[in-house]
Amino acid sequence: MSRAMQTGEWAVMPVPVPDASRVAQMYEAPYLADAYAIRLPEDASADPELLARFMFAHQPSWVAWLMSMRDALVASFGIKTARQLRSSPKPAGDERVNIFRIYERRAHEIILGEDDKHLDFRVSVMRETRALATGAHPYLVVSTVVHCHNRLGRTYITLIAPFHRRVVEAGLRRAARLGWPTVMKV
């Protein structure tokens, strides 16, 4: 793992969903579309799947509590719970990062998500280089887009959106504090 970056460099910034991301045009009129970026250390891995797995494996402990509360509340509405996603039989080729199904892998981006009766969503974890006054630097951008199918989906996403944003920001900050996986030197 790379050494922890300076506290000021753990800043998570809301950014537009990058045009280069596959999720940018995934849904014609997404009900929710947001993105957050964090600067990576120069020696951080360029593998978006590895970065995604690291971030989701090291969520703050309060996220697990929040997910268990969410699951208890939504189960009666027929919405998939995290437990169902983890334990349900998987069709051949169904690979996951944490509870999220992998939809697509690209050189600098992995697309995760899930479809349900109330909404479909996709999460992009994309490593990109951003040009700054101090030069070009690597960033990790996590983008989420949501397509709602009905009133239940719209109500659900309206209620959880503030929590979703805090979870993404906290996950990125925690991964930065722990130290992102680095490029293996041969």
N, C-alpha and C. Protein backbone atom coordinates (compact mmCIF):
# COMPACT_ATOMS: atom_id res chain seq x y z
N MET A 1 0.83 -1.18 0.00
CA MET A 1 0.00 0.00 0.00
C MET A 1 0.88 1.24 0.00
N SER A 2 0.41 2.26 -0.65
CA SER A 2 1.18 3.50 -0.71
C SER A 2 1.11 4.21 0.63
N ARG A 3 2.07 5.06 0.86
CA ARG A 3 2.03 5.83 2.10
C ARG A 3 0.82 6.75 2.07
N ALA A 4 0.27 7.04 3.22
CA ALA A 4 -0.90 7.92 3.28
C ALA A 4 -0.55 9.29 2.75
N MET A 5 -1.45 9.86 2.00
CA MET A 5 -1.25 11.20 1.46
C MET A 5 -1.54 12.22 2.56
N GLN A 6 -1.09 13.43 2.35
CA GLN A 6 -1.34 14.50 3.30
C GLN A 6 -2.85 14.71 3.44
N THR A 7 -3.29 15.10 4.63
CA THR A 7 -4.71 15.25 4.91
C THR A 7 -5.42 16.10 3.87
N GLY A 8 -4.84 17.19 3.42
CA GLY A 8 -5.47 18.06 2.43
C GLY A 8 -5.68 17.36 1.10
N GLU A 9 -4.89 16.34 0.82
CA GLU A 9 -5.03 15.62 -0.43
C GLU A 9 -6.07 14.50 -0.35
N TRP A 10 -6.72 14.35 0.81
CA TRP A 10 -7.80 13.38 0.95
C TRP A 10 -9.13 14.02 0.61
N ALA A 11 -9.08 15.22 0.09
CA ALA A 11 -10.30 15.94 -0.22
C ALA A 11 -11.07 15.24 -1.33
N VAL A 12 -12.34 15.03 -1.08
CA VAL A 12 -13.24 14.46 -2.07
C VAL A 12 -14.04 15.61 -2.65
N MET A 13 -14.03 15.69 -3.98
CA MET A 13 -14.70 16.81 -4.65
C MET A 13 -15.89 16.32 -5.46
N PRO A 14 -17.05 16.98 -5.34
CA PRO A 14 -18.12 16.66 -6.28
C PRO A 14 -17.71 17.19 -7.65
N VAL A 15 -17.90 16.38 -8.68
CA VAL A 15 -17.54 16.76 -10.05
C VAL A 15 -18.67 16.32 -10.98
N PRO A 16 -18.71 16.85 -12.19
CA PRO A 16 -19.68 16.33 -13.16
C PRO A 16 -19.32 14.89 -13.53
N VAL A 17 -20.32 14.10 -13.89
CA VAL A 17 -20.04 12.75 -14.39
C VAL A 17 -19.16 12.93 -15.63
N PRO A 18 -17.97 12.32 -15.67
CA PRO A 18 -17.07 12.54 -16.80
C PRO A 18 -17.69 12.08 -18.13
N ASP A 19 -17.52 12.90 -19.15
CA ASP A 19 -18.02 12.54 -20.48
C ASP A 19 -17.41 11.24 -20.97
N ALA A 20 -16.17 10.95 -20.56
CA ALA A 20 -15.48 9.74 -21.01
C ALA A 20 -16.01 8.48 -20.34
N SER A 21 -16.81 8.63 -19.30
CA SER A 21 -17.36 7.47 -18.60
C SER A 21 -18.52 6.87 -19.38
N ARG A 22 -18.58 5.54 -19.38
CA ARG A 22 -19.69 4.85 -20.06
C ARG A 22 -21.03 5.19 -19.44
N VAL A 23 -21.05 5.53 -18.15
CA VAL A 23 -22.33 5.81 -17.51
C VAL A 23 -22.89 7.19 -17.86
N ALA A 24 -22.06 8.05 -18.45
CA ALA A 24 -22.50 9.41 -18.76
C ALA A 24 -23.72 9.44 -19.67
N GLN A 25 -23.82 8.50 -20.58
CA GLN A 25 -24.94 8.47 -21.53
C GLN A 25 -25.78 7.21 -21.37
N MET A 26 -25.65 6.53 -20.24
CA MET A 26 -26.32 5.24 -20.07
C MET A 26 -27.84 5.35 -20.05
N TYR A 27 -28.35 6.34 -19.36
CA TYR A 27 -29.80 6.55 -19.26
C TYR A 27 -30.13 7.91 -19.85
N GLU A 28 -31.18 7.96 -20.64
CA GLU A 28 -31.54 9.20 -21.33
C GLU A 28 -31.76 10.35 -20.36
N ALA A 29 -32.49 10.11 -19.30
CA ALA A 29 -32.76 11.15 -18.30
C ALA A 29 -32.66 10.52 -16.91
N PRO A 30 -31.44 10.34 -16.39
CA PRO A 30 -31.31 9.68 -15.09
C PRO A 30 -31.98 10.50 -13.99
N TYR A 31 -32.56 9.78 -13.04
CA TYR A 31 -33.20 10.45 -11.91
C TYR A 31 -32.14 11.01 -10.96
N LEU A 32 -31.02 10.32 -10.90
CA LEU A 32 -29.88 10.78 -10.11
C LEU A 32 -28.63 10.55 -10.94
N ALA A 33 -27.76 11.53 -10.97
CA ALA A 33 -26.45 11.40 -11.60
C ALA A 33 -25.49 12.24 -10.78
N ASP A 34 -24.50 11.60 -10.18
CA ASP A 34 -23.51 12.35 -9.42
C ASP A 34 -22.15 11.68 -9.56
N ALA A 35 -21.13 12.45 -9.21
CA ALA A 35 -19.76 11.92 -9.30
C ALA A 35 -18.91 12.63 -8.26
N TYR A 36 -17.93 11.87 -7.74
CA TYR A 36 -16.99 12.39 -6.75
C TYR A 36 -15.59 11.95 -7.15
N ALA A 37 -14.63 12.86 -6.99
CA ALA A 37 -13.26 12.58 -7.38
C ALA A 37 -12.33 12.79 -6.19
N ILE A 38 -11.25 12.01 -6.20
CA ILE A 38 -10.20 12.16 -5.20
C ILE A 38 -8.86 11.95 -5.91
N ARG A 39 -7.89 12.75 -5.54
CA ARG A 39 -6.56 12.60 -6.13
C ARG A 39 -5.90 11.34 -5.58
N LEU A 40 -5.29 10.59 -6.48
CA LEU A 40 -4.57 9.38 -6.11
C LEU A 40 -3.08 9.69 -5.99
N PRO A 41 -2.36 8.92 -5.20
CA PRO A 41 -0.90 9.06 -5.19
C PRO A 41 -0.36 8.69 -6.57
N GLU A 42 0.78 9.23 -6.93
CA GLU A 42 1.37 8.98 -8.25
C GLU A 42 1.65 7.50 -8.48
N ASP A 43 1.92 6.75 -7.41
CA ASP A 43 2.23 5.33 -7.57
C ASP A 43 1.02 4.41 -7.40
N ALA A 44 -0.19 4.98 -7.35
CA ALA A 44 -1.39 4.16 -7.18
C ALA A 44 -1.61 3.28 -8.41
N SER A 45 -2.20 2.14 -8.17
CA SER A 45 -2.54 1.23 -9.25
C SER A 45 -3.42 1.93 -10.28
N ALA A 46 -3.26 1.55 -11.53
CA ALA A 46 -4.12 2.08 -12.60
C ALA A 46 -5.30 1.15 -12.87
N ASP A 47 -5.40 0.04 -12.14
CA ASP A 47 -6.45 -0.95 -12.35
C ASP A 47 -7.73 -0.52 -11.62
N PRO A 48 -8.76 -0.11 -12.36
CA PRO A 48 -9.97 0.38 -11.71
C PRO A 48 -10.69 -0.70 -10.88
N GLU A 49 -10.59 -1.96 -11.31
CA GLU A 49 -11.24 -3.02 -10.53
C GLU A 49 -10.55 -3.19 -9.18
N LEU A 50 -9.23 -3.18 -9.17
CA LEU A 50 -8.49 -3.29 -7.92
C LEU A 50 -8.82 -2.11 -7.00
N LEU A 51 -8.87 -0.91 -7.56
CA LEU A 51 -9.20 0.27 -6.76
C LEU A 51 -10.62 0.18 -6.22
N ALA A 52 -11.57 -0.29 -7.04
CA ALA A 52 -12.96 -0.45 -6.60
C ALA A 52 -13.05 -1.49 -5.48
N ARG A 53 -12.40 -2.64 -5.68
CA ARG A 53 -12.44 -3.69 -4.66
C ARG A 53 -11.86 -3.18 -3.34
N PHE A 54 -10.76 -2.44 -3.42
CA PHE A 54 -10.14 -1.89 -2.22
C PHE A 54 -11.09 -0.93 -1.51
N MET A 55 -11.68 0.00 -2.26
CA MET A 55 -12.57 0.99 -1.67
C MET A 55 -13.78 0.33 -1.01
N PHE A 56 -14.43 -0.62 -1.71
CA PHE A 56 -15.63 -1.25 -1.15
C PHE A 56 -15.30 -2.21 -0.01
N ALA A 57 -14.10 -2.76 0.01
CA ALA A 57 -13.71 -3.67 1.10
C ALA A 57 -13.34 -2.92 2.37
N HIS A 58 -13.09 -1.63 2.27
CA HIS A 58 -12.64 -0.86 3.42
C HIS A 58 -13.59 0.28 3.77
N GLN A 59 -14.87 0.04 3.64
CA GLN A 59 -15.86 1.06 3.99
C GLN A 59 -15.82 1.33 5.50
N PRO A 60 -16.13 2.56 5.90
CA PRO A 60 -16.23 2.83 7.33
C PRO A 60 -17.27 1.91 7.98
N SER A 61 -17.09 1.59 9.25
CA SER A 61 -17.98 0.65 9.94
C SER A 61 -19.43 1.13 9.97
N TRP A 62 -19.64 2.43 10.02
CA TRP A 62 -21.01 2.94 10.07
C TRP A 62 -21.77 2.65 8.77
N VAL A 63 -21.08 2.38 7.67
CA VAL A 63 -21.74 2.05 6.41
C VAL A 63 -22.45 0.71 6.53
N ALA A 64 -21.81 -0.27 7.19
CA ALA A 64 -22.44 -1.58 7.40
C ALA A 64 -23.70 -1.43 8.24
N TRP A 65 -23.64 -0.61 9.26
CA TRP A 65 -24.81 -0.37 10.10
C TRP A 65 -25.92 0.28 9.27
N LEU A 66 -25.56 1.27 8.47
CA LEU A 66 -26.53 1.96 7.62
C LEU A 66 -27.17 0.99 6.62
N MET A 67 -26.36 0.10 6.04
CA MET A 67 -26.90 -0.90 5.10
C MET A 67 -27.85 -1.87 5.80
N SER A 68 -27.55 -2.25 7.02
CA SER A 68 -28.45 -3.16 7.73
C SER A 68 -29.77 -2.46 8.05
N MET A 69 -29.72 -1.18 8.37
CA MET A 69 -30.94 -0.41 8.59
C MET A 69 -31.74 -0.30 7.29
N ARG A 70 -31.06 -0.01 6.20
CA ARG A 70 -31.70 0.09 4.89
C ARG A 70 -32.38 -1.23 4.54
N ASP A 71 -31.65 -2.34 4.72
CA ASP A 71 -32.20 -3.65 4.40
C ASP A 71 -33.45 -3.96 5.21
N ALA A 72 -33.44 -3.63 6.50
CA ALA A 72 -34.61 -3.88 7.35
C ALA A 72 -35.82 -3.07 6.87
N LEU A 73 -35.56 -1.86 6.42
CA LEU A 73 -36.67 -1.00 5.98
C LEU A 73 -37.22 -1.38 4.60
N VAL A 74 -36.37 -1.80 3.68
CA VAL A 74 -36.83 -2.03 2.30
C VAL A 74 -37.31 -3.45 2.02
N ALA A 75 -36.98 -4.40 2.89
CA ALA A 75 -37.34 -5.80 2.64
C ALA A 75 -38.83 -5.98 2.43
N SER A 76 -39.64 -5.26 3.18
CA SER A 76 -41.10 -5.42 3.05
C SER A 76 -41.65 -4.84 1.75
N PHE A 77 -40.85 -4.06 1.05
CA PHE A 77 -41.28 -3.48 -0.23
C PHE A 77 -40.84 -4.33 -1.42
N GLY A 78 -40.17 -5.45 -1.14
CA GLY A 78 -39.72 -6.31 -2.22
C GLY A 78 -38.45 -5.84 -2.90
N ILE A 79 -37.75 -4.90 -2.29
CA ILE A 79 -36.48 -4.40 -2.83
C ILE A 79 -35.37 -5.34 -2.38
N LYS A 80 -34.44 -5.64 -3.28
CA LYS A 80 -33.34 -6.55 -2.95
C LYS A 80 -32.52 -6.00 -1.80
N THR A 81 -32.20 -6.87 -0.85
CA THR A 81 -31.35 -6.48 0.26
C THR A 81 -29.91 -6.89 -0.05
N ALA A 82 -28.98 -6.33 0.68
CA ALA A 82 -27.57 -6.69 0.50
C ALA A 82 -27.37 -8.18 0.78
N ARG A 83 -28.05 -8.69 1.77
CA ARG A 83 -27.95 -10.12 2.10
C ARG A 83 -28.43 -10.98 0.93
N GLN A 84 -29.54 -10.59 0.29
CA GLN A 84 -30.05 -11.33 -0.86
C GLN A 84 -29.04 -11.28 -2.01
N LEU A 85 -28.44 -10.13 -2.24
CA LEU A 85 -27.47 -10.00 -3.33
C LEU A 85 -26.25 -10.87 -3.08
N ARG A 86 -25.83 -10.97 -1.83
CA ARG A 86 -24.65 -11.79 -1.51
C ARG A 86 -24.95 -13.29 -1.57
N SER A 87 -26.17 -13.69 -1.17
CA SER A 87 -26.45 -15.11 -1.02
C SER A 87 -27.27 -15.73 -2.14
N SER A 88 -27.81 -14.93 -3.05
CA SER A 88 -28.63 -15.50 -4.11
C SER A 88 -27.77 -16.28 -5.10
N PRO A 89 -28.34 -17.34 -5.69
CA PRO A 89 -27.58 -18.10 -6.70
C PRO A 89 -27.18 -17.18 -7.85
N LYS A 90 -25.96 -17.32 -8.28
CA LYS A 90 -25.44 -16.46 -9.35
C LYS A 90 -25.41 -17.23 -10.66
N PRO A 91 -25.92 -16.62 -11.73
CA PRO A 91 -25.78 -17.28 -13.03
C PRO A 91 -24.30 -17.33 -13.43
N ALA A 92 -23.97 -18.25 -14.31
CA ALA A 92 -22.58 -18.36 -14.78
C ALA A 92 -22.12 -17.01 -15.32
N GLY A 93 -20.93 -16.63 -14.95
CA GLY A 93 -20.37 -15.37 -15.43
C GLY A 93 -20.77 -14.15 -14.62
N ASP A 94 -21.60 -14.32 -13.60
CA ASP A 94 -22.01 -13.19 -12.77
C ASP A 94 -20.91 -12.91 -11.75
N GLU A 95 -20.09 -11.92 -12.04
CA GLU A 95 -19.00 -11.55 -11.14
C GLU A 95 -19.41 -10.31 -10.37
N ARG A 96 -18.89 -10.19 -9.17
CA ARG A 96 -19.28 -9.07 -8.31
C ARG A 96 -18.07 -8.41 -7.66
N VAL A 97 -18.24 -7.14 -7.37
CA VAL A 97 -17.36 -6.39 -6.49
C VAL A 97 -18.26 -6.02 -5.32
N ASN A 98 -17.99 -6.64 -4.18
CA ASN A 98 -18.84 -6.49 -3.02
C ASN A 98 -20.24 -6.97 -3.41
N ILE A 99 -21.28 -6.16 -3.23
CA ILE A 99 -22.63 -6.59 -3.60
C ILE A 99 -23.00 -6.21 -5.03
N PHE A 100 -22.12 -5.52 -5.71
CA PHE A 100 -22.44 -4.98 -7.04
C PHE A 100 -22.01 -5.91 -8.17
N ARG A 101 -22.89 -6.12 -9.10
CA ARG A 101 -22.60 -6.92 -10.28
C ARG A 101 -21.66 -6.14 -11.21
N ILE A 102 -20.69 -6.83 -11.79
CA ILE A 102 -19.80 -6.21 -12.78
C ILE A 102 -20.50 -6.28 -14.14
N TYR A 103 -20.72 -5.13 -14.74
CA TYR A 103 -21.34 -5.06 -16.06
C TYR A 103 -20.32 -4.92 -17.18
N GLU A 104 -19.24 -4.21 -16.89
CA GLU A 104 -18.26 -3.96 -17.95
C GLU A 104 -16.92 -3.60 -17.34
N ARG A 105 -15.86 -4.04 -18.02
CA ARG A 105 -14.50 -3.67 -17.64
C ARG A 105 -13.87 -2.97 -18.83
N ARG A 106 -13.22 -1.86 -18.56
CA ARG A 106 -12.44 -1.14 -19.56
C ARG A 106 -11.07 -0.88 -18.95
N ALA A 107 -10.14 -0.42 -19.76
CA ALA A 107 -8.78 -0.22 -19.27
C ALA A 107 -8.72 0.70 -18.04
N HIS A 108 -9.54 1.76 -18.02
CA HIS A 108 -9.48 2.73 -16.93
C HIS A 108 -10.80 2.86 -16.17
N GLU A 109 -11.73 1.93 -16.42
CA GLU A 109 -13.05 2.06 -15.79
C GLU A 109 -13.69 0.68 -15.61
N ILE A 110 -14.39 0.53 -14.51
CA ILE A 110 -15.22 -0.65 -14.30
C ILE A 110 -16.63 -0.15 -14.01
N ILE A 111 -17.61 -0.81 -14.62
CA ILE A 111 -19.01 -0.44 -14.43
C ILE A 111 -19.67 -1.51 -13.58
N LEU A 112 -20.24 -1.08 -12.47
CA LEU A 112 -20.91 -1.96 -11.52
C LEU A 112 -22.37 -1.54 -11.43
N GLY A 113 -23.20 -2.36 -10.83
CA GLY A 113 -24.58 -1.94 -10.63
C GLY A 113 -25.51 -3.07 -10.30
N GLU A 114 -26.79 -2.78 -10.45
CA GLU A 114 -27.84 -3.76 -10.18
C GLU A 114 -29.12 -3.27 -10.82
N ASP A 115 -29.95 -4.22 -11.20
CA ASP A 115 -31.29 -3.92 -11.72
C ASP A 115 -32.30 -4.49 -10.73
N ASP A 116 -33.37 -3.76 -10.51
CA ASP A 116 -34.43 -4.22 -9.63
C ASP A 116 -35.74 -3.71 -10.20
N LYS A 117 -36.84 -4.10 -9.58
CA LYS A 117 -38.15 -3.73 -10.13
C LYS A 117 -38.43 -2.24 -9.99
N HIS A 118 -37.82 -1.58 -9.03
CA HIS A 118 -38.10 -0.16 -8.79
C HIS A 118 -37.11 0.77 -9.48
N LEU A 119 -35.86 0.31 -9.68
CA LEU A 119 -34.86 1.14 -10.35
C LEU A 119 -33.68 0.30 -10.80
N ASP A 120 -32.92 0.85 -11.73
CA ASP A 120 -31.64 0.29 -12.16
C ASP A 120 -30.59 1.35 -11.85
N PHE A 121 -29.40 0.92 -11.46
CA PHE A 121 -28.33 1.89 -11.26
C PHE A 121 -27.02 1.32 -11.74
N ARG A 122 -26.12 2.22 -12.09
CA ARG A 122 -24.76 1.86 -12.46
C ARG A 122 -23.80 2.77 -11.71
N VAL A 123 -22.69 2.17 -11.33
CA VAL A 123 -21.61 2.89 -10.66
C VAL A 123 -20.37 2.72 -11.52
N SER A 124 -19.75 3.82 -11.87
CA SER A 124 -18.48 3.80 -12.59
C SER A 124 -17.37 4.11 -11.61
N VAL A 125 -16.33 3.29 -11.61
CA VAL A 125 -15.11 3.60 -10.87
C VAL A 125 -14.05 3.76 -11.95
N MET A 126 -13.63 5.01 -12.15
CA MET A 126 -12.76 5.34 -13.28
C MET A 126 -11.51 6.07 -12.80
N ARG A 127 -10.38 5.59 -13.27
CA ARG A 127 -9.12 6.28 -13.00
C ARG A 127 -8.83 7.16 -14.20
N GLU A 128 -8.58 8.43 -13.93
CA GLU A 128 -8.29 9.36 -15.02
C GLU A 128 -7.17 10.30 -14.61
N THR A 129 -6.58 10.92 -15.60
CA THR A 129 -5.55 11.92 -15.36
C THR A 129 -6.17 13.29 -15.58
N ARG A 130 -5.96 14.17 -14.62
CA ARG A 130 -6.50 15.53 -14.71
C ARG A 130 -5.33 16.51 -14.77
N ALA A 131 -5.44 17.44 -15.67
CA ALA A 131 -4.41 18.47 -15.81
C ALA A 131 -4.70 19.59 -14.82
N LEU A 132 -3.72 19.88 -13.98
CA LEU A 132 -3.82 20.96 -13.00
C LEU A 132 -2.66 21.92 -13.22
N ALA A 133 -2.70 23.03 -12.53
CA ALA A 133 -1.61 24.00 -12.64
C ALA A 133 -0.28 23.38 -12.26
N THR A 134 -0.30 22.39 -11.37
CA THR A 134 0.93 21.74 -10.92
C THR A 134 1.33 20.56 -11.80
N GLY A 135 0.60 20.33 -12.88
CA GLY A 135 0.90 19.22 -13.78
C GLY A 135 -0.26 18.23 -13.84
N ALA A 136 -0.04 17.12 -14.51
CA ALA A 136 -1.05 16.08 -14.65
C ALA A 136 -0.97 15.13 -13.46
N HIS A 137 -2.13 14.80 -12.89
CA HIS A 137 -2.18 13.94 -11.72
C HIS A 137 -3.29 12.91 -11.86
N PRO A 138 -3.09 11.71 -11.27
CA PRO A 138 -4.13 10.67 -11.33
C PRO A 138 -5.24 10.95 -10.32
N TYR A 139 -6.47 10.69 -10.75
CA TYR A 139 -7.65 10.82 -9.90
C TYR A 139 -8.50 9.57 -10.03
N LEU A 140 -9.26 9.30 -9.00
CA LEU A 140 -10.28 8.27 -9.06
C LEU A 140 -11.62 8.99 -9.01
N VAL A 141 -12.49 8.67 -9.97
CA VAL A 141 -13.81 9.29 -10.03
C VAL A 141 -14.84 8.17 -9.90
N VAL A 142 -15.72 8.32 -8.91
CA VAL A 142 -16.82 7.38 -8.71
C VAL A 142 -18.10 8.10 -9.11
N SER A 143 -18.74 7.59 -10.16
CA SER A 143 -19.97 8.19 -10.69
C SER A 143 -21.12 7.21 -10.51
N THR A 144 -22.28 7.75 -10.18
CA THR A 144 -23.48 6.94 -10.03
C THR A 144 -24.59 7.53 -10.88
N VAL A 145 -25.28 6.67 -11.63
CA VAL A 145 -26.47 7.09 -12.37
C VAL A 145 -27.60 6.12 -12.04
N VAL A 146 -28.80 6.66 -11.91
CA VAL A 146 -29.96 5.87 -11.51
C VAL A 146 -31.12 6.13 -12.46
N HIS A 147 -31.73 5.05 -12.91
CA HIS A 147 -32.95 5.12 -13.73
C HIS A 147 -34.08 4.51 -12.92
N CYS A 148 -35.11 5.30 -12.63
CA CYS A 148 -36.25 4.83 -11.85
C CYS A 148 -37.34 4.29 -12.77
N HIS A 149 -37.96 3.18 -12.36
CA HIS A 149 -39.02 2.57 -13.13
C HIS A 149 -40.41 3.01 -12.70
N ASN A 150 -40.53 3.48 -11.45
CA ASN A 150 -41.86 3.77 -10.92
C ASN A 150 -41.75 4.71 -9.71
N ARG A 151 -42.89 4.97 -9.09
CA ARG A 151 -42.94 5.87 -7.93
C ARG A 151 -42.11 5.32 -6.77
N LEU A 152 -42.14 4.01 -6.57
CA LEU A 152 -41.32 3.41 -5.51
C LEU A 152 -39.85 3.74 -5.73
N GLY A 153 -39.37 3.62 -6.95
CA GLY A 153 -37.97 3.93 -7.26
C GLY A 153 -37.65 5.40 -7.01
N ARG A 154 -38.52 6.29 -7.45
CA ARG A 154 -38.29 7.72 -7.25
C ARG A 154 -38.30 8.08 -5.76
N THR A 155 -39.23 7.51 -5.01
CA THR A 155 -39.29 7.77 -3.57
C THR A 155 -38.05 7.23 -2.87
N TYR A 156 -37.70 6.00 -3.23
CA TYR A 156 -36.53 5.36 -2.62
C TYR A 156 -35.27 6.20 -2.85
N ILE A 157 -35.01 6.57 -4.09
CA ILE A 157 -33.76 7.29 -4.37
C ILE A 157 -33.77 8.68 -3.74
N THR A 158 -34.93 9.31 -3.67
CA THR A 158 -35.02 10.61 -3.01
C THR A 158 -34.65 10.49 -1.53
N LEU A 159 -35.10 9.42 -0.90
CA LEU A 159 -34.81 9.22 0.53
C LEU A 159 -33.37 8.83 0.79
N ILE A 160 -32.78 8.03 -0.09
CA ILE A 160 -31.42 7.55 0.21
C ILE A 160 -30.31 8.41 -0.41
N ALA A 161 -30.64 9.30 -1.32
CA ALA A 161 -29.60 10.10 -2.01
C ALA A 161 -28.65 10.81 -1.05
N PRO A 162 -29.13 11.47 0.00
CA PRO A 162 -28.17 12.13 0.91
C PRO A 162 -27.22 11.13 1.58
N PHE A 163 -27.72 9.95 1.92
CA PHE A 163 -26.87 8.92 2.53
C PHE A 163 -25.89 8.37 1.51
N HIS A 164 -26.37 8.15 0.29
CA HIS A 164 -25.51 7.66 -0.80
C HIS A 164 -24.31 8.58 -0.97
N ARG A 165 -24.55 9.86 -1.02
CA ARG A 165 -23.46 10.83 -1.21
C ARG A 165 -22.44 10.75 -0.08
N ARG A 166 -22.91 10.66 1.16
CA ARG A 166 -21.98 10.58 2.30
C ARG A 166 -21.19 9.26 2.27
N VAL A 167 -21.84 8.17 1.86
CA VAL A 167 -21.17 6.88 1.78
C VAL A 167 -20.05 6.92 0.74
N VAL A 168 -20.32 7.48 -0.43
CA VAL A 168 -19.29 7.56 -1.47
C VAL A 168 -18.13 8.42 -1.00
N GLU A 169 -18.43 9.60 -0.46
CA GLU A 169 -17.37 10.49 0.03
C GLU A 169 -16.54 9.81 1.12
N ALA A 170 -17.21 9.19 2.08
CA ALA A 170 -16.50 8.55 3.20
C ALA A 170 -15.67 7.36 2.71
N GLY A 171 -16.20 6.60 1.77
CA GLY A 171 -15.45 5.46 1.23
C GLY A 171 -14.17 5.89 0.53
N LEU A 172 -14.25 6.95 -0.24
CA LEU A 172 -13.06 7.46 -0.92
C LEU A 172 -12.04 8.00 0.08
N ARG A 173 -12.51 8.76 1.07
CA ARG A 173 -11.59 9.30 2.08
C ARG A 173 -10.92 8.19 2.89
N ARG A 174 -11.70 7.20 3.28
CA ARG A 174 -11.12 6.11 4.08
C ARG A 174 -10.08 5.33 3.28
N ALA A 175 -10.37 5.05 2.02
CA ALA A 175 -9.40 4.33 1.18
C ALA A 175 -8.11 5.15 1.04
N ALA A 176 -8.25 6.46 0.90
CA ALA A 176 -7.06 7.32 0.80
C ALA A 176 -6.25 7.30 2.10
N ARG A 177 -6.93 7.36 3.23
CA ARG A 177 -6.24 7.32 4.52
C ARG A 177 -5.50 6.00 4.71
N LEU A 178 -6.12 4.90 4.26
CA LEU A 178 -5.48 3.59 4.40
C LEU A 178 -4.32 3.42 3.44
N GLY A 179 -4.38 4.10 2.31
CA GLY A 179 -3.34 3.99 1.28
C GLY A 179 -3.77 3.11 0.14
N TRP A 180 -3.99 3.68 -1.01
CA TRP A 180 -4.46 2.95 -2.18
C TRP A 180 -3.46 1.88 -2.60
N PRO A 181 -3.94 0.80 -3.22
CA PRO A 181 -2.99 -0.20 -3.75
C PRO A 181 -2.06 0.47 -4.76
N THR A 182 -0.82 0.03 -4.77
CA THR A 182 0.19 0.66 -5.63
C THR A 182 0.56 -0.21 -6.81
N VAL A 183 1.26 0.41 -7.73
CA VAL A 183 1.80 -0.30 -8.90
C VAL A 183 2.90 -1.21 -8.40
N MET A 184 2.87 -2.44 -8.85
CA MET A 184 3.92 -3.39 -8.46
C MET A 184 5.18 -3.10 -9.24
N LYS A 185 6.27 -2.90 -8.56
CA LYS A 185 7.57 -2.64 -9.20
C LYS A 185 8.26 -3.98 -9.43
N VAL A 186 8.72 -4.20 -10.66
CA VAL A 186 9.38 -5.48 -10.99
C VAL A 186 10.87 -5.27 -11.05
